[in-house]
Protein backbone atom coordinates (compact mmCIF):
# COMPACT_ATOMS: atom_id res chain seq x y z
CA UNK A 1 7.33 9.65 -12.16
CA UNK A 2 6.89 11.05 -15.67
CA UNK A 3 9.06 9.62 -18.44
CA UNK A 4 10.11 10.94 -21.82
CA UNK A 5 10.34 8.08 -24.29
CA UNK A 6 10.76 7.73 -28.04
CA UNK A 7 7.45 7.58 -29.87
CA UNK A 8 6.56 4.28 -31.51
CA UNK A 9 4.35 3.63 -34.52
CA UNK A 10 1.71 2.23 -32.15
CA UNK A 11 1.55 5.62 -30.38
CA UNK A 12 0.70 7.63 -33.48
CA UNK A 13 -3.12 7.37 -33.24
CA UNK A 14 -2.88 8.51 -29.61
CA UNK A 15 -0.68 11.46 -30.57
CA UNK A 16 -3.08 12.42 -33.35
CA UNK A 17 -6.02 12.34 -30.94
CA UNK A 18 -4.11 14.17 -28.20
CA UNK A 19 -3.02 16.89 -30.64
CA UNK A 20 -6.67 17.46 -31.61
CA UNK A 21 -7.72 17.75 -27.97
CA UNK A 22 -4.88 20.16 -27.13
CA UNK A 23 -5.22 22.28 -30.28
CA UNK A 24 -8.99 22.70 -29.95
CA UNK A 25 -8.50 24.07 -26.44
CA UNK A 26 -5.29 26.04 -27.01
CA UNK A 27 -6.07 27.67 -30.34
CA UNK A 28 -9.86 28.12 -30.22
CA UNK A 29 -9.52 31.87 -29.63
CA UNK A 30 -6.50 32.33 -31.89
CA UNK A 31 -7.24 30.40 -35.09
CA UNK A 32 -10.43 29.54 -36.95
CA UNK A 33 -11.74 25.99 -36.58
CA UNK A 34 -11.10 25.60 -40.31
CA UNK A 35 -7.42 26.45 -39.89
CA UNK A 36 -7.10 24.21 -36.82
CA UNK A 37 -8.58 21.26 -38.73
CA UNK A 38 -6.40 22.02 -41.76
CA UNK A 39 -3.22 22.14 -39.69
CA UNK A 40 -4.08 19.03 -37.68
CA UNK A 41 -4.64 17.10 -40.91
CA UNK A 42 -1.34 18.45 -42.29
CA UNK A 43 0.76 17.62 -39.24
CA UNK A 44 -0.81 14.88 -37.17
CA UNK A 45 -2.01 12.17 -39.53
CA UNK A 46 -0.80 8.88 -37.95
CA UNK A 47 0.66 7.70 -41.29
CA UNK A 48 2.66 10.94 -41.63
CA UNK A 49 4.02 10.65 -38.09
CA UNK A 50 4.94 7.00 -38.73
CA UNK A 51 6.90 8.01 -41.81
CA UNK A 52 8.77 10.60 -39.75
CA UNK A 53 9.71 8.04 -37.10
CA UNK A 54 12.20 6.44 -39.52
CA UNK A 55 13.78 9.76 -40.56
CA UNK A 56 17.16 10.20 -38.84
CA UNK A 57 16.69 13.99 -38.83
CA UNK A 58 13.47 13.88 -36.78
CA UNK A 59 13.00 12.94 -33.11
CA UNK A 60 9.47 12.32 -31.82
CA UNK A 61 9.12 11.89 -28.03
CA UNK A 62 6.19 11.15 -25.78
CA UNK A 63 5.71 12.32 -22.20
CA UNK A 64 4.20 9.48 -20.20
CA UNK A 65 2.66 9.70 -16.73
CA UNK A 66 0.99 6.70 -15.09
CA UNK A 67 1.09 4.78 -18.40
CA UNK A 68 -0.75 7.60 -20.19
CA UNK A 69 0.70 9.90 -22.84
CA UNK A 70 0.11 13.44 -21.55
CA UNK A 71 2.34 15.32 -23.95
CA UNK A 72 4.78 15.08 -26.81
CA UNK A 73 7.52 16.86 -28.69
CA UNK A 74 9.16 16.65 -32.08
CA UNK A 75 12.60 18.01 -32.93
CA UNK A 76 13.91 18.39 -36.47
CA UNK A 77 17.31 19.20 -37.91
CA UNK A 78 16.98 22.29 -40.09
CA UNK A 79 18.85 23.07 -43.29
CA UNK A 80 21.14 25.36 -41.27
CA UNK A 81 24.21 23.48 -40.00
CA UNK A 82 24.19 23.11 -36.22
CA UNK A 83 20.54 24.09 -35.83
CA UNK A 84 17.78 21.97 -34.27
CA UNK A 85 14.14 23.07 -34.27
CA UNK A 86 11.53 22.16 -31.69
CA UNK A 87 8.77 21.68 -34.24
CA UNK A 88 6.13 20.51 -31.79
CA UNK A 89 5.85 20.65 -27.99
CA UNK A 90 2.48 20.11 -26.38
CA UNK A 91 1.21 19.05 -22.97
CA UNK A 92 -2.40 18.35 -21.95
CA UNK A 93 -3.85 21.43 -20.28
CA UNK A 94 -4.56 19.49 -17.06
CA UNK A 95 -0.80 18.99 -16.68
CA UNK A 96 0.42 22.55 -17.32
CA UNK A 97 2.59 24.31 -14.75
CA UNK A 98 3.98 21.10 -13.30
CA UNK A 99 7.46 21.21 -14.83
CA UNK A 100 6.69 18.95 -17.79
CA UNK A 101 7.41 21.63 -20.38
CA UNK A 102 10.81 22.16 -18.81
CA UNK A 103 11.41 18.40 -19.02
CA UNK A 104 10.63 18.38 -22.75
CA UNK A 105 12.86 21.44 -23.32
CA UNK A 106 15.71 19.74 -21.44
CA UNK A 107 15.18 16.64 -23.56
CA UNK A 108 15.37 18.80 -26.70
CA UNK A 109 18.65 20.29 -25.44
CA UNK A 110 19.96 16.76 -24.90
CA UNK A 111 18.91 15.89 -28.47
CA UNK A 112 20.67 19.04 -29.65
CA UNK A 113 23.95 17.94 -28.06
CA UNK A 114 23.61 14.36 -29.28
CA UNK A 115 23.07 15.68 -32.82
CA UNK A 116 26.20 17.85 -32.51
CA UNK A 117 24.16 21.04 -32.83
CA UNK A 118 24.63 24.32 -30.99
CA UNK A 119 21.44 26.32 -31.62
CA UNK A 120 17.85 25.47 -30.69
CA UNK A 121 14.99 27.29 -32.42
CA UNK A 122 11.20 27.19 -32.43
CA UNK A 123 8.26 29.18 -33.71
CA UNK A 124 5.27 30.12 -31.59
CA UNK A 125 2.02 31.81 -32.54
CA UNK A 126 2.25 35.52 -31.74
CA UNK A 127 -1.00 35.32 -29.78
CA UNK A 128 0.02 32.28 -27.71
CA UNK A 129 1.15 34.45 -24.80
CA UNK A 130 1.35 31.62 -22.27
CA UNK A 131 3.75 29.64 -24.44
CA UNK A 132 5.82 32.72 -25.32
CA UNK A 133 6.34 33.53 -21.63
CA UNK A 134 7.14 29.91 -20.82
CA UNK A 135 9.76 29.72 -23.57
CA UNK A 136 11.29 32.97 -22.35
CA UNK A 137 11.58 31.50 -18.83
CA UNK A 138 13.41 28.53 -20.36
CA UNK A 139 15.98 30.79 -22.02
CA UNK A 140 14.52 31.44 -25.47
CA UNK A 141 14.45 34.91 -26.93
CA UNK A 142 12.43 36.35 -29.81
CA UNK A 143 14.73 36.94 -32.78
CA UNK A 144 12.24 37.64 -35.55
CA UNK A 145 8.95 36.99 -37.26
CA UNK A 146 7.95 33.87 -39.14
CA UNK A 147 4.95 34.36 -41.40
CA UNK A 148 4.39 31.27 -43.54
CA UNK A 149 1.76 30.49 -46.16
CA UNK A 150 0.75 26.91 -45.30
CA UNK A 151 -1.73 26.55 -48.16
CA UNK A 152 -5.50 26.39 -48.15
CA UNK A 153 -5.63 30.16 -47.75
CA UNK A 154 -4.06 29.89 -44.27
CA UNK A 155 -0.98 31.48 -42.75
CA UNK A 156 1.07 30.86 -39.63
CA UNK A 157 1.93 34.17 -37.97
CA UNK A 158 4.62 33.27 -35.47
CA UNK A 159 7.61 34.57 -33.59
CA UNK A 160 10.93 32.88 -34.24
CA UNK A 161 12.63 32.17 -30.93
CA UNK A 162 16.09 30.84 -30.29
CA UNK A 163 18.24 29.49 -27.47
CA UNK A 164 21.96 28.92 -27.53
CA UNK A 165 22.59 26.57 -24.59
């Protein structure tokens, strides 16, 4: 049976490596390799993740199957009262369409309630059609655009999606 567990500092190199594997497959036809590498370095450095593990406003989780991490998520309280953001949610491609995404969404909803929030948001690349459709099946709706300059000459061109459980 798969389990969703809190991430530990010992898991961070695995998450960094897993993110690279997932991103190279998922975004190869959407983003340049330069932007993928830039964003991975920005978001998945083990030391950065370790520093986030002690932040009370950030929840990192790992999805474990047969003692192997096959996915992960990260939820963050936003500056808006009552709002929680799914900042990261990724599952190895070999494990797509098996209900694991739904498990991570349900875990995020549980985190939302435990944090006394009432609104769950996320951003998703406008060309990531598979993820957009999956999030819509889970009850998210597109509420706007999110175009963000992330530095290095790169931009994130996403949809902002929200769910009010």
